Amino acid sequence: MKLINYTVTGVTRSGAIVGEKIIDLNYAFQAFLKAKGKYRYKEIAHAYVPDNTDELYQGGKESIQLAQTGIDFILENPDSFDKKAIYNRNEVKIEAPVRNPGKIICVGHNYREHILEMGRELPSYPVIFAKFANTILGPEDDIPFYPISKQLDYEAEFTFVIGKKARNVSEEEALNYVAGYTITNDVTYRDIQRRTIQWLQGKTVDGTAPMGPYLVTSDELSDPSGLDIVLKVNDEVRQQTNTSNQVFDTKKLVSFLSSLMTLEPGDVVLTGTPGGVGVAMDPPQFLKDGDVVTIEIDKIGVLENKVKKVEVLTKVT
């Protein structure tokens, strides 16, 4: 299943992409329950297949399976509900597959070639930092370039979302705690990142985590190893690697992070970026207004966003 949030007529709801159609998960499951003669079908549907993905992930595999039941039903019975449960893709705005995660955990120095280009040694433990929900953008949004810096950089990141409460999870069981996989661009203001020894301020500017194009659920993508990753800026390849080059793979990260903190459904983990970032080029090549950044990851899809300069209005006194 390819999970999204989508917006139509100013309202954002959970959905799935099926070909060129958008299926509303909650309405589809309502239709299924109503056809089965269930009383309080609206309330039951909201409990098991909520109208937003943040709550959907809290339902774990059961909610994902029931959402698929609704999708199958509505595709076979498209006129069975009095509210529109199916849209053409061009009728809606597709949003990020996660809207308000409790945690966005980022992993630094996790690809061997990137570690070497930055002149560092392979870490013994994952390097972690954070982003916040204010950074999240959808696959149809522009990346805002605020005039606080001239060093806007890109970072292609294979990303997973937690689907089950995890604490002290073994590597052998780790993938059972993953809801699915997506792509994030860990957009970074390099000079702001480097003006202190802590990276946080350069990583948490509004709009610095474009995410999408959807979340591929773990029943569809069961093995996150061996996936090719390519990032292009205006069709020029800048980053190219495979998840097999990670120092700490998904299993290791789930196990390690869950030994530090309780991972909750909907938490997002960015697993690091490969070599080829703009700051490491000679000379450095930073993003500019109008640039198009495209990230493609095997078995997931393509995330593409344009950089847009944000004009600052002069205050009149």
Protein backbone atom coordinates (compact mmCIF):
# COMPACT_ATOMS: atom_id res chain seq x y z
CA MET A 1 0.00 0.00 0.00
CA LYS A 2 1.17 3.54 -0.79
CA LEU A 3 -0.01 5.74 2.08
CA ILE A 4 -0.39 9.51 1.91
CA ASN A 5 -2.26 12.40 3.39
CA TYR A 6 -4.13 14.42 0.80
CA THR A 7 -5.87 17.77 0.78
CA VAL A 8 -9.06 18.66 -1.09
CA THR A 9 -11.31 21.70 -0.50
CA GLY A 10 -9.07 22.73 2.38
CA VAL A 11 -9.42 19.47 4.32
CA THR A 12 -6.55 17.01 4.82
CA ARG A 13 -7.27 13.29 5.24
CA SER A 14 -5.49 9.93 5.05
CA GLY A 15 -5.44 8.15 1.72
CA ALA A 16 -3.71 5.67 -0.52
CA ILE A 17 -2.49 5.95 -4.08
CA VAL A 18 -3.79 3.21 -6.37
CA GLY A 19 -2.65 3.84 -9.92
CA GLU A 20 -3.95 7.30 -10.80
CA LYS A 21 -6.62 7.20 -8.10
CA ILE A 22 -6.63 8.47 -4.53
CA ILE A 23 -8.68 6.35 -2.13
CA ASP A 24 -9.86 7.93 1.12
CA LEU A 25 -9.06 5.27 3.73
CA ASN A 26 -11.65 6.25 6.31
CA TYR A 27 -14.53 6.71 3.89
CA ALA A 28 -13.66 3.46 2.12
CA PHE A 29 -13.75 1.51 5.37
CA GLN A 30 -16.99 3.23 6.35
CA ALA A 31 -18.48 2.05 3.08
CA PHE A 32 -17.35 -1.50 3.78
CA LEU A 33 -18.86 -1.51 7.28
CA LYS A 34 -22.11 0.08 6.10
CA ALA A 35 -22.49 -2.56 3.39
CA LYS A 36 -22.06 -5.21 6.09
CA GLY A 37 -24.99 -3.71 8.01
CA LYS A 38 -22.89 -2.45 10.91
CA TYR A 39 -24.44 0.08 13.29
CA ARG A 40 -22.23 3.07 14.23
CA TYR A 41 -20.10 2.37 11.18
CA LYS A 42 -18.70 5.90 11.21
CA GLU A 43 -17.48 5.60 14.79
CA ILE A 44 -16.08 2.11 14.23
CA ALA A 45 -14.29 3.23 11.09
CA HIS A 46 -12.72 6.21 12.83
CA ALA A 47 -11.46 3.96 15.65
CA TYR A 48 -9.82 1.42 13.35
CA VAL A 49 -9.03 3.40 10.18
CA PRO A 50 -8.69 7.05 11.22
CA ASP A 51 -8.89 9.96 8.81
CA ASN A 52 -5.24 10.91 9.37
CA THR A 53 -2.09 8.83 9.08
CA ASP A 54 -0.66 9.87 12.45
CA GLU A 55 -3.50 8.00 14.19
CA LEU A 56 -3.54 5.28 11.54
CA TYR A 57 0.03 4.24 12.41
CA GLN A 58 -1.02 3.92 16.05
CA GLY A 59 -3.36 1.12 14.99
CA GLY A 60 -0.42 -0.92 13.76
CA LYS A 61 -0.74 -3.76 11.27
CA GLU A 62 -4.42 -4.27 12.12
CA SER A 63 -5.33 -0.77 10.93
CA ILE A 64 -3.22 -1.17 7.80
CA GLN A 65 -4.94 -4.46 6.97
CA LEU A 66 -8.41 -3.01 7.58
CA ALA A 67 -7.53 0.00 5.42
CA GLN A 68 -6.65 -2.41 2.62
CA THR A 69 -10.02 -4.14 3.11
CA GLY A 70 -11.73 -0.79 2.60
CA ILE A 71 -9.66 -0.03 -0.48
CA ASP A 72 -10.51 -3.38 -2.06
CA PHE A 73 -14.21 -2.88 -1.32
CA ILE A 74 -14.45 0.66 -2.66
CA LEU A 75 -12.60 -0.23 -5.87
CA GLU A 76 -15.14 -2.99 -6.49
CA ASN A 77 -18.08 -0.80 -5.38
CA PRO A 78 -17.17 2.82 -6.26
CA ASP A 79 -20.75 4.12 -5.90
CA SER A 80 -21.48 2.48 -2.56
CA PHE A 81 -20.98 5.54 -0.33
CA ASP A 82 -22.68 8.92 -0.18
CA LYS A 83 -19.40 10.81 0.25
CA LYS A 84 -16.71 10.77 -2.35
CA ALA A 85 -14.11 8.14 -1.46
CA ILE A 86 -12.26 8.10 -4.79
CA TYR A 87 -10.50 11.02 -6.46
CA ASN A 88 -8.42 11.35 -9.55
CA ARG A 89 -4.85 12.10 -8.60
CA ASN A 90 -4.95 15.53 -10.24
CA GLU A 91 -7.96 16.56 -8.14
CA VAL A 92 -6.10 16.61 -4.83
CA LYS A 93 -2.88 17.92 -3.32
CA ILE A 94 -0.71 15.10 -2.05
CA GLU A 95 0.86 15.77 1.33
CA ALA A 96 3.62 14.04 3.31
CA PRO A 97 2.75 10.55 4.61
CA VAL A 98 3.39 11.78 8.17
CA ARG A 99 2.08 15.12 9.42
CA ASN A 100 2.88 15.53 13.11
CA PRO A 101 5.29 12.85 14.34
CA GLY A 102 6.27 12.73 17.97
CA LYS A 103 9.92 12.35 16.98
CA ILE A 104 12.00 12.89 13.87
CA ILE A 105 15.30 11.14 14.51
CA CYS A 106 18.13 11.72 12.05
CA VAL A 107 21.27 9.66 11.64
CA GLY A 108 24.51 11.32 10.62
CA HIS A 109 27.65 9.76 9.15
CA ASN A 110 25.95 6.53 8.12
CA TYR A 111 27.28 5.99 4.58
CA ARG A 112 30.88 5.04 4.20
CA GLU A 113 31.58 7.30 1.21
CA HIS A 114 30.02 10.35 2.91
CA ILE A 115 32.04 9.78 6.07
CA LEU A 116 35.23 9.64 4.01
CA GLU A 117 34.41 12.77 1.99
CA MET A 118 33.85 14.66 5.25
CA GLY A 119 37.26 13.48 6.52
CA ARG A 120 35.98 11.41 9.43
CA GLU A 121 36.36 7.86 10.71
CA LEU A 122 33.61 5.25 10.71
CA PRO A 123 31.59 5.66 13.92
CA SER A 124 31.32 2.93 16.53
CA TYR A 125 27.81 4.10 17.40
CA PRO A 126 25.19 5.93 15.32
CA VAL A 127 25.45 9.70 15.34
CA ILE A 128 21.93 11.02 15.96
CA PHE A 129 20.27 14.42 15.97
CA ALA A 130 16.73 15.69 15.53
CA LYS A 131 14.41 17.60 13.27
CA PHE A 132 10.90 18.71 14.22
CA ALA A 133 7.45 18.58 12.65
CA ASN A 134 7.76 22.20 11.42
CA THR A 135 10.27 20.96 8.84
CA ILE A 136 7.92 18.55 7.05
CA LEU A 137 6.80 19.35 3.50
CA GLY A 138 4.86 17.27 1.01
CA PRO A 139 6.02 16.03 -2.39
CA GLU A 140 4.15 18.84 -4.17
CA ASP A 141 5.57 21.67 -2.03
CA ASP A 142 8.45 24.00 -2.81
CA ILE A 143 11.50 24.09 -0.56
CA PRO A 144 11.54 27.58 0.98
CA PHE A 145 14.93 29.29 0.80
CA TYR A 146 15.02 31.88 3.56
CA PRO A 147 17.51 34.77 3.32
CA ILE A 148 19.26 33.74 6.53
CA SER A 149 21.97 31.92 4.62
CA LYS A 150 23.48 31.41 1.19
CA GLN A 151 24.46 27.80 1.84
CA LEU A 152 21.35 25.69 1.27
CA ASP A 153 22.28 22.04 0.77
CA TYR A 154 20.51 18.76 -0.04
CA GLU A 155 20.74 15.31 1.57
CA ALA A 156 18.95 12.27 0.14
CA GLU A 157 17.69 10.11 3.01
CA PHE A 158 16.13 6.65 3.01
CA THR A 159 13.50 6.96 5.74
CA PHE A 160 11.39 4.60 7.80
CA VAL A 161 8.36 5.18 10.02
CA ILE A 162 7.70 3.26 13.22
CA GLY A 163 4.44 1.30 13.28
CA LYS A 164 4.55 -0.33 16.72
CA LYS A 165 5.71 0.78 20.16
CA ALA A 166 9.33 -0.31 20.46
CA ARG A 167 11.58 -0.56 23.50
CA ASN A 168 14.74 -2.70 23.68
CA VAL A 169 13.97 -4.45 20.40
CA SER A 170 16.40 -7.03 19.02
CA GLU A 171 17.79 -6.74 15.51
CA GLU A 172 16.06 -10.01 14.63
CA GLU A 173 12.64 -8.52 15.49
CA ALA A 174 13.35 -4.96 14.38
CA LEU A 175 11.56 -4.91 11.01
CA ASN A 176 8.32 -6.01 12.69
CA TYR A 177 8.22 -2.55 14.27
CA VAL A 178 8.40 -0.63 10.99
CA ALA A 179 5.19 0.63 9.37
CA GLY A 180 6.87 1.43 6.07
CA TYR A 181 9.43 3.37 4.09
CA THR A 182 9.61 6.72 2.34
CA ILE A 183 12.09 9.37 1.12
CA THR A 184 13.17 12.57 2.87
CA ASN A 185 15.40 15.39 1.71
CA ASP A 186 17.28 16.52 4.82
CA VAL A 187 17.67 20.09 3.57
CA THR A 188 20.42 21.83 5.53
CA TYR A 189 21.60 25.42 5.98
CA ARG A 190 25.32 24.58 6.12
CA ASP A 191 26.78 27.77 7.57
CA ILE A 192 24.12 27.84 10.27
CA GLN A 193 24.73 24.15 10.98
CA ARG A 194 28.44 24.75 11.44
CA ARG A 195 28.45 27.94 13.49
CA THR A 196 28.22 25.87 16.67
CA ILE A 197 29.26 22.30 17.53
CA GLN A 198 25.58 21.31 17.63
CA TRP A 199 23.94 20.81 14.21
CA LEU A 200 20.34 21.37 15.27
CA GLN A 201 19.82 24.99 14.21
CA GLY A 202 20.92 24.33 10.64
CA LYS A 203 18.61 21.32 10.40
CA THR A 204 15.34 22.62 11.85
CA VAL A 205 14.45 25.65 9.73
CA ASP A 206 10.83 25.54 8.50
CA GLY A 207 10.38 23.38 5.41
CA THR A 208 13.68 21.51 5.54
CA ALA A 209 12.23 17.98 5.40
CA PRO A 210 10.39 17.38 2.12
CA MET A 211 8.95 13.87 2.41
CA GLY A 212 7.22 11.46 0.05
CA PRO A 213 6.03 10.69 -2.54
CA TYR A 214 4.19 8.29 -0.19
CA LEU A 215 4.90 5.64 2.45
CA VAL A 216 5.36 2.14 1.06
CA THR A 217 4.05 -0.18 3.76
CA SER A 218 6.32 -2.91 5.08
CA ASP A 219 4.07 -5.69 3.78
CA GLU A 220 4.83 -4.41 0.28
CA LEU A 221 8.52 -3.65 0.91
CA SER A 222 9.65 -6.32 3.34
CA ASP A 223 13.41 -6.00 2.82
CA PRO A 224 14.93 -2.50 2.97
CA SER A 225 18.44 -3.67 2.08
CA GLY A 226 20.09 -3.30 -1.30
CA LEU A 227 18.05 -0.30 -2.51
CA ASP A 228 19.63 2.11 -5.01
CA ILE A 229 19.50 5.82 -4.14
CA VAL A 230 20.05 8.65 -6.64
CA LEU A 231 19.78 12.41 -6.05
CA LYS A 232 19.83 14.88 -8.93
CA VAL A 233 19.90 18.66 -9.01
CA ASN A 234 18.46 19.91 -12.30
CA ASP A 235 19.04 16.44 -13.83
CA GLU A 236 22.70 16.37 -12.74
CA VAL A 237 23.49 13.34 -10.58
CA ARG A 238 24.99 14.50 -7.28
CA GLN A 239 24.46 11.53 -4.95
CA GLN A 240 24.36 7.86 -5.86
CA THR A 241 24.62 4.89 -3.52
CA ASN A 242 22.85 1.80 -2.19
CA THR A 243 21.45 1.13 1.28
CA SER A 244 23.92 -1.76 1.50
CA ASN A 245 26.61 0.93 2.03
CA GLN A 246 25.09 1.98 5.34
CA VAL A 247 27.20 1.51 8.45
CA PHE A 248 24.02 0.98 10.49
CA ASP A 249 21.09 -0.53 8.58
CA THR A 250 17.41 -0.37 9.50
CA LYS A 251 17.57 -3.38 11.81
CA LYS A 252 20.53 -1.98 13.71
CA LEU A 253 18.95 1.47 13.98
CA VAL A 254 15.62 0.22 15.34
CA SER A 255 17.45 -1.89 17.90
CA PHE A 256 19.90 0.84 18.89
CA LEU A 257 17.37 3.68 19.08
CA SER A 258 14.87 1.56 21.03
CA SER A 259 17.57 0.88 23.60
CA LEU A 260 17.81 4.64 24.20
CA MET A 261 14.19 5.70 23.99
CA THR A 262 10.71 4.34 23.47
CA LEU A 263 9.86 4.56 19.80
CA GLU A 264 6.20 5.32 19.17
CA PRO A 265 4.01 4.69 16.10
CA GLY A 266 4.49 7.51 13.63
CA ASP A 267 8.03 8.35 14.73
CA VAL A 268 10.23 9.06 11.72
CA VAL A 269 13.84 7.97 11.27
CA LEU A 270 16.07 9.45 8.56
CA THR A 271 18.89 6.98 8.04
CA GLY A 272 21.67 9.24 6.79
CA THR A 273 22.90 10.62 3.49
CA PRO A 274 25.50 9.30 1.02
CA GLY A 275 28.46 11.13 -0.47
CA GLY A 276 28.01 13.97 -2.93
CA VAL A 277 26.54 16.73 -0.78
CA GLY A 278 27.02 20.23 -2.16
CA VAL A 279 29.27 21.47 0.62
CA ALA A 280 31.82 18.72 -0.11
CA MET A 281 32.17 19.55 -3.80
CA ASP A 282 35.16 21.50 -5.13
CA PRO A 283 34.11 24.24 -5.29
CA PRO A 284 31.00 23.83 -3.10
CA GLN A 285 27.72 23.80 -5.02
CA PHE A 286 24.77 25.03 -2.98
CA LEU A 287 21.12 25.14 -3.98
CA LYS A 288 19.66 28.29 -5.48
CA ASP A 289 16.26 29.68 -6.34
CA GLY A 290 14.58 27.58 -9.05
CA ASP A 291 16.71 24.47 -8.64
CA VAL A 292 14.83 21.16 -8.82
CA VAL A 293 15.96 18.41 -6.46
CA THR A 294 14.94 14.87 -7.40
CA ILE A 295 15.52 11.84 -5.20
CA GLU A 296 14.75 8.33 -6.41
CA ILE A 297 14.97 5.22 -4.25
CA ASP A 298 14.45 1.75 -5.65
CA LYS A 299 11.06 0.19 -4.80
CA ILE A 300 9.84 3.43 -3.20
CA GLY A 301 9.55 6.08 -5.87
CA VAL A 302 10.58 9.64 -6.70
CA LEU A 303 10.49 12.75 -4.51
CA GLU A 304 10.88 16.00 -6.43
CA ASN A 305 10.78 19.55 -5.05
CA LYS A 306 11.71 22.95 -6.40
CA VAL A 307 13.68 25.50 -4.40
CA LYS A 308 11.84 28.80 -3.99
CA LYS A 309 13.41 31.94 -2.60
CA VAL A 310 11.40 33.53 0.20
CA GLU A 311 11.21 37.29 -0.08
CA VAL A 312 11.39 39.27 3.13
CA LEU A 313 9.06 42.22 3.29
CA THR A 314 10.62 45.44 4.52
CA LYS A 315 8.89 46.68 7.65
CA VAL A 316 7.40 50.13 7.20
CA THR A 317 7.72 52.40 10.23
